[in-house]
């Protein structure tokens, strides 16, 4: 009789779970890119601030944790926060 150890069982379950997580990640990435959410991938840089039309810096320096995680800019002219798609995230006025 053959017995399966805990390590082998754990390795087998991880091997089955990784492809499922990969597919879920790809679906989230594709959906986020199509619907322009935080999970999406934006390869084009917005040209300027939608509020004051000032050019955005070419080198992105995140000002908070959300920008570090999900991308985005803070306009150097008016201080408005933009998401990675160039849309105003927190309107200030």
PDB file of N, CA and C in Angstrom:
ATOM      1  N   UNK A   1       0.835  -1.172   0.000  1.00  0.00           N
ATOM      2  CA  UNK A   1       0.000   0.000   0.000  1.00  0.00           C
ATOM      3  C   UNK A   1       0.881   1.237   0.000  1.00  0.00           C
ATOM      4  N   UNK A   2       0.502   2.195  -0.806  1.00  0.00           N
ATOM      5  CA  UNK A   2       1.306   3.402  -0.963  1.00  0.00           C
ATOM      6  C   UNK A   2       0.651   4.546  -0.193  1.00  0.00           C
ATOM      7  N   UNK A   3       1.427   5.259   0.568  1.00  0.00           N
ATOM      8  CA  UNK A   3       0.873   6.388   1.313  1.00  0.00           C
ATOM      9  C   UNK A   3       1.467   7.696   0.768  1.00  0.00           C
ATOM     10  N   UNK A   4       0.645   8.732   0.798  1.00  0.00           N
ATOM     11  CA  UNK A   4       1.067  10.043   0.317  1.00  0.00           C
ATOM     12  C   UNK A   4       1.364  10.905   1.532  1.00  0.00           C
ATOM     13  N   UNK A   5       2.531  11.511   1.536  1.00  0.00           N
ATOM     14  CA  UNK A   5       2.909  12.377   2.639  1.00  0.00           C
ATOM     15  C   UNK A   5       2.283  13.757   2.503  1.00  0.00           C
ATOM     16  N   UNK A   6       2.356  14.509   3.569  1.00  0.00           N
ATOM     17  CA  UNK A   6       1.780  15.850   3.587  1.00  0.00           C
ATOM     18  C   UNK A   6       2.478  16.770   2.579  1.00  0.00           C
ATOM     19  N   UNK A   7       3.780  16.639   2.465  1.00  0.00           N
ATOM     20  CA  UNK A   7       4.528  17.460   1.511  1.00  0.00           C
ATOM     21  C   UNK A   7       4.126  17.193   0.073  1.00  0.00           C
ATOM     22  N   UNK A   8       3.939  15.922  -0.251  1.00  0.00           N
ATOM     23  CA  UNK A   8       3.521  15.567  -1.611  1.00  0.00           C
ATOM     24  C   UNK A   8       2.107  16.055  -1.903  1.00  0.00           C
ATOM     25  N   UNK A   9       1.233  15.974  -0.902  1.00  0.00           N
ATOM     26  CA  UNK A   9      -0.131  16.448  -1.073  1.00  0.00           C
ATOM     27  C   UNK A   9      -0.164  17.958  -1.266  1.00  0.00           C
ATOM     28  N   UNK A  10       0.639  18.671  -0.509  1.00  0.00           N
ATOM     29  CA  UNK A  10       0.712  20.127  -0.634  1.00  0.00           C
ATOM     30  C   UNK A  10       1.276  20.524  -1.996  1.00  0.00           C
ATOM     31  N   UNK A  11       2.310  19.841  -2.442  1.00  0.00           N
ATOM     32  CA  UNK A  11       2.909  20.121  -3.743  1.00  0.00           C
ATOM     33  C   UNK A  11       1.913  19.857  -4.871  1.00  0.00           C
ATOM     34  N   UNK A  12       1.142  18.823  -4.752  1.00  0.00           N
ATOM     35  CA  UNK A  12       0.143  18.483  -5.762  1.00  0.00           C
ATOM     36  C   UNK A  12      -0.966  19.531  -5.804  1.00  0.00           C
ATOM     37  N   UNK A  13      -1.401  20.002  -4.640  1.00  0.00           N
ATOM     38  CA  UNK A  13      -2.472  20.997  -4.623  1.00  0.00           C
ATOM     39  C   UNK A  13      -1.977  22.337  -5.160  1.00  0.00           C
ATOM     40  N   UNK A  14      -0.724  22.699  -4.885  1.00  0.00           N
ATOM     41  CA  UNK A  14      -0.166  23.937  -5.428  1.00  0.00           C
ATOM     42  C   UNK A  14      -0.033  23.827  -6.943  1.00  0.00           C
ATOM     43  N   UNK A  15       0.368  22.664  -7.422  1.00  0.00           N
ATOM     44  CA  UNK A  15       0.512  22.462  -8.864  1.00  0.00           C
ATOM     45  C   UNK A  15      -0.837  22.571  -9.579  1.00  0.00           C
ATOM     46  N   UNK A  16      -1.910  22.200  -8.901  1.00  0.00           N
ATOM     47  CA  UNK A  16      -3.240  22.337  -9.504  1.00  0.00           C
ATOM     48  C   UNK A  16      -3.777  23.759  -9.391  1.00  0.00           C
ATOM     49  N   UNK A  17      -3.372  24.477  -8.361  1.00  0.00           N
ATOM     50  CA  UNK A  17      -3.900  25.815  -8.114  1.00  0.00           C
ATOM     51  C   UNK A  17      -3.229  26.887  -8.974  1.00  0.00           C
ATOM     52  N   UNK A  18      -1.961  26.741  -9.289  1.00  0.00           N
ATOM     53  CA  UNK A  18      -1.235  27.760 -10.045  1.00  0.00           C
ATOM     54  C   UNK A  18      -1.825  28.055 -11.422  1.00  0.00           C
ATOM     55  N   UNK A  19      -2.181  27.066 -12.227  1.00  0.00           N
ATOM     56  CA  UNK A  19      -2.795  27.398 -13.527  1.00  0.00           C
ATOM     57  C   UNK A  19      -4.129  28.122 -13.385  1.00  0.00           C
ATOM     58  N   UNK A  20      -4.904  27.765 -12.369  1.00  0.00           N
ATOM     59  CA  UNK A  20      -6.191  28.427 -12.150  1.00  0.00           C
ATOM     60  C   UNK A  20      -5.967  29.889 -11.799  1.00  0.00           C
ATOM     61  N   UNK A  21      -5.012  30.163 -10.909  1.00  0.00           N
ATOM     62  CA  UNK A  21      -4.696  31.543 -10.546  1.00  0.00           C
ATOM     63  C   UNK A  21      -4.152  32.329 -11.741  1.00  0.00           C
ATOM     64  N   UNK A  22      -3.395  31.680 -12.595  1.00  0.00           N
ATOM     65  CA  UNK A  22      -2.886  32.336 -13.791  1.00  0.00           C
ATOM     66  C   UNK A  22      -3.998  32.754 -14.737  1.00  0.00           C
ATOM     67  N   UNK A  23      -4.966  31.881 -14.929  1.00  0.00           N
ATOM     68  CA  UNK A  23      -6.098  32.195 -15.808  1.00  0.00           C
ATOM     69  C   UNK A  23      -6.926  33.326 -15.215  1.00  0.00           C
ATOM     70  N   UNK A  24      -7.162  33.280 -13.903  1.00  0.00           N
ATOM     71  CA  UNK A  24      -7.921  34.351 -13.241  1.00  0.00           C
ATOM     72  C   UNK A  24      -7.183  35.680 -13.390  1.00  0.00           C
ATOM     73  N   UNK A  25      -5.864  35.671 -13.243  1.00  0.00           N
ATOM     74  CA  UNK A  25      -5.079  36.892 -13.402  1.00  0.00           C
ATOM     75  C   UNK A  25      -5.156  37.458 -14.805  1.00  0.00           C
ATOM     76  N   UNK A  26      -5.100  36.609 -15.794  1.00  0.00           N
ATOM     77  CA  UNK A  26      -5.185  37.059 -17.185  1.00  0.00           C
ATOM     78  C   UNK A  26      -6.569  37.637 -17.485  1.00  0.00           C
ATOM     79  N   UNK A  27      -7.612  36.999 -16.952  1.00  0.00           N
ATOM     80  CA  UNK A  27      -8.975  37.503 -17.156  1.00  0.00           C
ATOM     81  C   UNK A  27      -9.136  38.872 -16.492  1.00  0.00           C
ATOM     82  N   UNK A  28      -8.631  39.027 -15.262  1.00  0.00           N
ATOM     83  CA  UNK A  28      -8.712  40.321 -14.578  1.00  0.00           C
ATOM     84  C   UNK A  28      -7.941  41.401 -15.334  1.00  0.00           C
ATOM     85  N   UNK A  29      -6.777  41.056 -15.859  1.00  0.00           N
ATOM     86  CA  UNK A  29      -5.975  42.013 -16.611  1.00  0.00           C
ATOM     87  C   UNK A  29      -6.673  42.438 -17.900  1.00  0.00           C
ATOM     88  N   UNK A  30      -7.233  41.479 -18.626  1.00  0.00           N
ATOM     89  CA  UNK A  30      -7.925  41.803 -19.881  1.00  0.00           C
ATOM     90  C   UNK A  30      -9.179  42.635 -19.612  1.00  0.00           C
ATOM     91  N   UNK A  31      -9.945  42.258 -18.605  1.00  0.00           N
ATOM     92  CA  UNK A  31     -11.165  42.998 -18.268  1.00  0.00           C
ATOM     93  C   UNK A  31     -10.833  44.399 -17.774  1.00  0.00           C
ATOM     94  N   UNK A  32      -9.801  44.505 -16.947  1.00  0.00           N
ATOM     95  CA  UNK A  32      -9.398  45.804 -16.423  1.00  0.00           C
ATOM     96  C   UNK A  32      -8.876  46.733 -17.504  1.00  0.00           C
ATOM     97  N   UNK A  33      -8.195  46.193 -18.484  1.00  0.00           N
ATOM     98  CA  UNK A  33      -7.690  47.009 -19.583  1.00  0.00           C
ATOM     99  C   UNK A  33      -8.847  47.485 -20.459  1.00  0.00           C
ATOM    100  N   UNK A  34      -9.798  46.609 -20.724  1.00  0.00           N
ATOM    101  CA  UNK A  34     -10.935  46.984 -21.569  1.00  0.00           C
ATOM    102  C   UNK A  34     -11.815  48.028 -20.885  1.00  0.00           C
ATOM    103  N   UNK A  35     -12.056  47.855 -19.582  1.00  0.00           N
ATOM    104  CA  UNK A  35     -12.946  48.760 -18.859  1.00  0.00           C
ATOM    105  C   UNK A  35     -12.197  49.902 -18.166  1.00  0.00           C
ATOM    106  N   UNK A  36     -10.881  49.953 -18.343  1.00  0.00           N
ATOM    107  CA  UNK A  36     -10.023  50.995 -17.762  1.00  0.00           C
ATOM    108  C   UNK A  36     -10.183  51.094 -16.243  1.00  0.00           C
ATOM    109  N   UNK A  37      -9.949  49.966 -15.572  1.00  0.00           N
ATOM    110  CA  UNK A  37      -9.977  49.929 -14.113  1.00  0.00           C
ATOM    111  C   UNK A  37      -8.547  49.878 -13.589  1.00  0.00           C
ATOM    112  N   UNK A  38      -8.413  49.808 -12.265  1.00  0.00           N
ATOM    113  CA  UNK A  38      -7.078  49.741 -11.660  1.00  0.00           C
ATOM    114  C   UNK A  38      -6.331  48.469 -12.038  1.00  0.00           C
ATOM    115  N   UNK A  39      -7.040  47.387 -12.327  1.00  0.00           N
ATOM    116  CA  UNK A  39      -6.387  46.132 -12.692  1.00  0.00           C
ATOM    117  C   UNK A  39      -5.893  46.120 -14.132  1.00  0.00           C
ATOM    118  N   UNK A  40      -6.236  47.130 -14.916  1.00  0.00           N
ATOM    119  CA  UNK A  40      -5.869  47.180 -16.324  1.00  0.00           C
ATOM    120  C   UNK A  40      -4.421  47.564 -16.544  1.00  0.00           C
ATOM    121  N   UNK A  41      -4.002  47.468 -17.774  1.00  0.00           N
ATOM    122  CA  UNK A  41      -2.644  47.788 -18.175  1.00  0.00           C
ATOM    123  C   UNK A  41      -2.696  48.906 -19.208  1.00  0.00           C
ATOM    124  N   UNK A  42      -2.100  50.049 -18.885  1.00  0.00           N
ATOM    125  CA  UNK A  42      -2.078  51.188 -19.791  1.00  0.00           C
ATOM    126  C   UNK A  42      -0.635  51.445 -20.201  1.00  0.00           C
ATOM    127  N   UNK A  43      -0.340  51.260 -21.466  1.00  0.00           N
ATOM    128  CA  UNK A  43       1.026  51.449 -21.953  1.00  0.00           C
ATOM    129  C   UNK A  43       1.264  52.833 -22.538  1.00  0.00           C
ATOM    130  N   UNK A  44       0.205  53.612 -22.716  1.00  0.00           N
ATOM    131  CA  UNK A  44       0.374  54.963 -23.242  1.00  0.00           C
ATOM    132  C   UNK A  44       0.308  55.977 -22.103  1.00  0.00           C
ATOM    133  N   UNK A  45       1.131  56.988 -22.183  1.00  0.00           N
ATOM    134  CA  UNK A  45       1.178  58.022 -21.153  1.00  0.00           C
ATOM    135  C   UNK A  45       0.215  59.140 -21.532  1.00  0.00           C
ATOM    136  N   UNK A  46      -0.648  59.568 -20.608  1.00  0.00           N
ATOM    137  CA  UNK A  46      -1.529  60.696 -20.914  1.00  0.00           C
ATOM    138  C   UNK A  46      -0.711  61.942 -21.242  1.00  0.00           C
ATOM    139  N   UNK A  47      -1.221  62.767 -22.141  1.00  0.00           N
ATOM    140  CA  UNK A  47      -0.445  63.918 -22.616  1.00  0.00           C
ATOM    141  C   UNK A  47      -0.370  65.049 -21.600  1.00  0.00           C
ATOM    142  N   UNK A  48      -1.448  65.282 -20.874  1.00  0.00           N
ATOM    143  CA  UNK A  48      -1.433  66.389 -19.939  1.00  0.00           C
ATOM    144  C   UNK A  48      -2.569  66.291 -18.946  1.00  0.00           C
ATOM    145  N   UNK A  49      -2.581  67.220 -18.030  1.00  0.00           N
ATOM    146  CA  UNK A  49      -3.612  67.280 -16.996  1.00  0.00           C
ATOM    147  C   UNK A  49      -4.947  67.681 -17.632  1.00  0.00           C
ATOM    148  N   UNK A  50      -6.024  66.952 -17.354  1.00  0.00           N
ATOM    149  CA  UNK A  50      -7.309  67.324 -17.930  1.00  0.00           C
ATOM    150  C   UNK A  50      -7.904  68.589 -17.302  1.00  0.00           C
ATOM    151  N   UNK A  51      -7.415  68.988 -16.147  1.00  0.00           N
ATOM    152  CA  UNK A  51      -7.971  70.167 -15.469  1.00  0.00           C
ATOM    153  C   UNK A  51      -7.289  71.453 -15.924  1.00  0.00           C
ATOM    154  N   UNK A  52      -5.945  71.455 -15.965  1.00  0.00           N
ATOM    155  CA  UNK A  52      -5.240  72.698 -16.295  1.00  0.00           C
ATOM    156  C   UNK A  52      -4.410  72.601 -17.575  1.00  0.00           C
ATOM    157  N   UNK A  53      -4.391  71.447 -18.228  1.00  0.00           N
ATOM    158  CA  UNK A  53      -3.678  71.204 -19.487  1.00  0.00           C
ATOM    159  C   UNK A  53      -2.167  71.310 -19.365  1.00  0.00           C
ATOM    160  N   UNK A  54      -1.627  71.269 -18.155  1.00  0.00           N
ATOM    161  CA  UNK A  54      -0.172  71.273 -17.970  1.00  0.00           C
ATOM    162  C   UNK A  54       0.380  69.900 -18.347  1.00  0.00           C
ATOM    163  N   UNK A  55       1.573  69.849 -18.928  1.00  0.00           N
ATOM    164  CA  UNK A  55       2.143  68.545 -19.276  1.00  0.00           C
ATOM    165  C   UNK A  55       2.496  67.760 -18.013  1.00  0.00           C
ATOM    166  N   UNK A  56       2.273  66.455 -18.087  1.00  0.00           N
ATOM    167  CA  UNK A  56       2.611  65.591 -16.958  1.00  0.00           C
ATOM    168  C   UNK A  56       4.103  65.265 -17.007  1.00  0.00           C
ATOM    169  N   UNK A  57       4.722  65.020 -15.857  1.00  0.00           N
ATOM    170  CA  UNK A  57       6.145  64.677 -15.864  1.00  0.00           C
ATOM    171  C   UNK A  57       6.372  63.346 -16.583  1.00  0.00           C
ATOM    172  N   UNK A  58       7.483  63.258 -17.299  1.00  0.00           N
ATOM    173  CA  UNK A  58       7.775  62.028 -18.032  1.00  0.00           C
ATOM    174  C   UNK A  58       8.191  60.912 -17.087  1.00  0.00           C
ATOM    175  N   UNK A  59       8.854  61.243 -16.009  1.00  0.00           N
ATOM    176  CA  UNK A  59       9.225  60.250 -15.009  1.00  0.00           C
ATOM    177  C   UNK A  59       8.192  60.338 -13.888  1.00  0.00           C
ATOM    178  N   UNK A  60       7.481  59.246 -13.680  1.00  0.00           N
ATOM    179  CA  UNK A  60       6.415  59.229 -12.685  1.00  0.00           C
ATOM    180  C   UNK A  60       7.002  58.981 -11.307  1.00  0.00           C
ATOM    181  N   UNK A  61       6.744  59.892 -10.388  1.00  0.00           N
ATOM    182  CA  UNK A  61       7.163  59.743  -9.000  1.00  0.00           C
ATOM    183  C   UNK A  61       5.899  59.640  -8.147  1.00  0.00           C
ATOM    184  N   UNK A  62       5.575  58.451  -7.644  1.00  0.00           N
ATOM    185  CA  UNK A  62       4.343  58.288  -6.874  1.00  0.00           C
ATOM    186  C   UNK A  62       4.352  59.145  -5.609  1.00  0.00           C
ATOM    187  N   UNK A  63       3.219  59.793  -5.330  1.00  0.00           N
ATOM    188  CA  UNK A  63       3.097  60.658  -4.167  1.00  0.00           C
ATOM    189  C   UNK A  63       2.415  59.959  -2.994  1.00  0.00           C
ATOM    190  N   UNK A  64       1.762  58.819  -3.235  1.00  0.00           N
ATOM    191  CA  UNK A  64       1.107  58.082  -2.160  1.00  0.00           C
ATOM    192  C   UNK A  64       1.110  56.591  -2.501  1.00  0.00           C
ATOM    193  N   UNK A  65       0.597  55.788  -1.572  1.00  0.00           N
ATOM    194  CA  UNK A  65       0.609  54.333  -1.748  1.00  0.00           C
ATOM    195  C   UNK A  65      -0.268  53.889  -2.913  1.00  0.00           C
ATOM    196  N   UNK A  66      -1.393  54.572  -3.134  1.00  0.00           N
ATOM    197  CA  UNK A  66      -2.272  54.197  -4.237  1.00  0.00           C
ATOM    198  C   UNK A  66      -1.576  54.394  -5.577  1.00  0.00           C
ATOM    199  N   UNK A  67      -0.857  55.490  -5.724  1.00  0.00           N
ATOM    200  CA  UNK A  67      -0.130  55.719  -6.978  1.00  0.00           C
ATOM    201  C   UNK A  67       1.009  54.717  -7.131  1.00  0.00           C
ATOM    202  N   UNK A  68       1.608  54.323  -6.039  1.00  0.00           N
ATOM    203  CA  UNK A  68       2.676  53.330  -6.103  1.00  0.00           C
ATOM    204  C   UNK A  68       2.136  51.977  -6.556  1.00  0.00           C
ATOM    205  N   UNK A  69       0.967  51.596  -6.039  1.00  0.00           N
ATOM    206  CA  UNK A  69       0.375  50.306  -6.392  1.00  0.00           C
ATOM    207  C   UNK A  69      -0.298  50.291  -7.756  1.00  0.00           C
ATOM    208  N   UNK A  70      -1.116  51.284  -8.045  1.00  0.00           N
ATOM    209  CA  UNK A  70      -1.977  51.250  -9.218  1.00  0.00           C
ATOM    210  C   UNK A  70      -1.562  52.204 -10.323  1.00  0.00           C
ATOM    211  N   UNK A  71      -0.574  53.059 -10.103  1.00  0.00           N
ATOM    212  CA  UNK A  71      -0.166  54.016 -11.114  1.00  0.00           C
ATOM    213  C   UNK A  71      -0.918  55.327 -10.985  1.00  0.00           C
ATOM    214  N   UNK A  72      -0.466  56.311 -11.700  1.00  0.00           N
ATOM    215  CA  UNK A  72      -1.112  57.613 -11.673  1.00  0.00           C
ATOM    216  C   UNK A  72      -0.108  58.718 -11.421  1.00  0.00           C
ATOM    217  N   UNK A  73      -0.589  59.941 -11.504  1.00  0.00           N
ATOM    218  CA  UNK A  73       0.246  61.119 -11.353  1.00  0.00           C
ATOM    219  C   UNK A  73      -0.424  62.120 -10.442  1.00  0.00           C
ATOM    220  N   UNK A  74       0.354  63.066  -9.963  1.00  0.00           N
ATOM    221  CA  UNK A  74      -0.161  64.265  -9.324  1.00  0.00           C
ATOM    222  C   UNK A  74       0.343  65.427 -10.168  1.00  0.00           C
ATOM    223  N   UNK A  75      -0.578  66.252 -10.649  1.00  0.00           N
ATOM    224  CA  UNK A  75      -0.213  67.383 -11.501  1.00  0.00           C
ATOM    225  C   UNK A  75       0.647  68.354 -10.694  1.00  0.00           C
ATOM    226  N   UNK A  76       1.765  68.766 -11.265  1.00  0.00           N
ATOM    227  CA  UNK A  76       2.660  69.693 -10.569  1.00  0.00           C
ATOM    228  C   UNK A  76       2.110  71.110 -10.563  1.00  0.00           C
ATOM    229  N   UNK A  77       1.211  71.425 -11.492  1.00  0.00           N
ATOM    230  CA  UNK A  77       0.654  72.783 -11.560  1.00  0.00           C
ATOM    231  C   UNK A  77      -0.529  72.979 -10.612  1.00  0.00           C
ATOM    232  N   UNK A  78      -1.545  72.129 -10.741  1.00  0.00           N
ATOM    233  CA  UNK A  78      -2.771  72.347  -9.958  1.00  0.00           C
ATOM    234  C   UNK A  78      -2.924  71.370  -8.791  1.00  0.00           C
ATOM    235  N   UNK A  79      -2.120  70.305  -8.741  1.00  0.00           N
ATOM    236  CA  UNK A  79      -2.155  69.378  -7.624  1.00  0.00           C
ATOM    237  C   UNK A  79      -3.242  68.322  -7.685  1.00  0.00           C
ATOM    238  N   UNK A  80      -3.956  68.215  -8.799  1.00  0.00           N
ATOM    239  CA  UNK A  80      -5.002  67.216  -8.926  1.00  0.00           C
ATOM    240  C   UNK A  80      -4.362  65.836  -9.118  1.00  0.00           C
ATOM    241  N   UNK A  81      -5.001  64.815  -8.543  1.00  0.00           N
ATOM    242  CA  UNK A  81      -4.487  63.456  -8.659  1.00  0.00           C
ATOM    243  C   UNK A  81      -5.156  62.751  -9.829  1.00  0.00           C
ATOM    244  N   UNK A  82      -4.346  62.132 -10.691  1.00  0.00           N
ATOM    245  CA  UNK A  82      -4.842  61.427 -11.872  1.00  0.00           C
ATOM    246  C   UNK A  82      -4.582  59.937 -11.732  1.00  0.00           C
ATOM    247  N   UNK A  83      -5.468  59.135 -12.305  1.00  0.00           N
ATOM    248  CA  UNK A  83      -5.216  57.698 -12.324  1.00  0.00           C
ATOM    249  C   UNK A  83      -4.319  57.359 -13.512  1.00  0.00           C
ATOM    250  N   UNK A  84      -4.030  56.092 -13.698  1.00  0.00           N
ATOM    251  CA  UNK A  84      -3.122  55.679 -14.774  1.00  0.00           C
ATOM    252  C   UNK A  84      -3.676  55.948 -16.163  1.00  0.00           C
ATOM    253  N   UNK A  85      -4.980  56.181 -16.258  1.00  0.00           N
ATOM    254  CA  UNK A  85      -5.623  56.451 -17.547  1.00  0.00           C
ATOM    255  C   UNK A  85      -5.694  57.928 -17.848  1.00  0.00           C
ATOM    256  N   UNK A  86      -5.238  58.795 -16.923  1.00  0.00           N
ATOM    257  CA  UNK A  86      -5.256  60.227 -17.135  1.00  0.00           C
ATOM    258  C   UNK A  86      -6.540  60.900 -16.689  1.00  0.00           C
ATOM    259  N   UNK A  87      -7.373  60.183 -15.950  1.00  0.00           N
ATOM    260  CA  UNK A  87      -8.632  60.744 -15.452  1.00  0.00           C
ATOM    261  C   UNK A  87      -8.427  61.292 -14.036  1.00  0.00           C
ATOM    262  N   UNK A  88      -9.182  62.319 -13.696  1.00  0.00           N
ATOM    263  CA  UNK A  88      -9.087  62.929 -12.362  1.00  0.00           C
ATOM    264  C   UNK A  88      -9.619  61.918 -11.340  1.00  0.00           C
ATOM    265  N   UNK A  89      -8.800  61.642 -10.337  1.00  0.00           N
ATOM    266  CA  UNK A  89      -9.205  60.686  -9.314  1.00  0.00           C
ATOM    267  C   UNK A  89      -9.895  61.377  -8.145  1.00  0.00           C
ATOM    268  N   UNK A  90      -9.298  62.427  -7.622  1.00  0.00           N
ATOM    269  CA  UNK A  90      -9.875  63.177  -6.496  1.00  0.00           C
ATOM    270  C   UNK A  90     -10.021  64.631  -6.922  1.00  0.00           C
ATOM    271  N   UNK A  91     -11.183  65.036  -7.392  1.00  0.00           N
ATOM    272  CA  UNK A  91     -11.314  66.436  -7.785  1.00  0.00           C
ATOM    273  C   UNK A  91     -11.174  67.359  -6.579  1.00  0.00           C
ATOM    274  N   UNK A  92     -10.394  68.409  -6.768  1.00  0.00           N
ATOM    275  CA  UNK A  92     -10.195  69.388  -5.686  1.00  0.00           C
ATOM    276  C   UNK A  92     -10.760  70.720  -6.152  1.00  0.00           C
ATOM    277  N   UNK A  93     -11.853  71.121  -5.566  1.00  0.00           N
ATOM    278  CA  UNK A  93     -12.424  72.450  -5.825  1.00  0.00           C
ATOM    279  C   UNK A  93     -13.641  72.670  -4.997  1.00  0.00           C
TER     280      UNK A  93
END
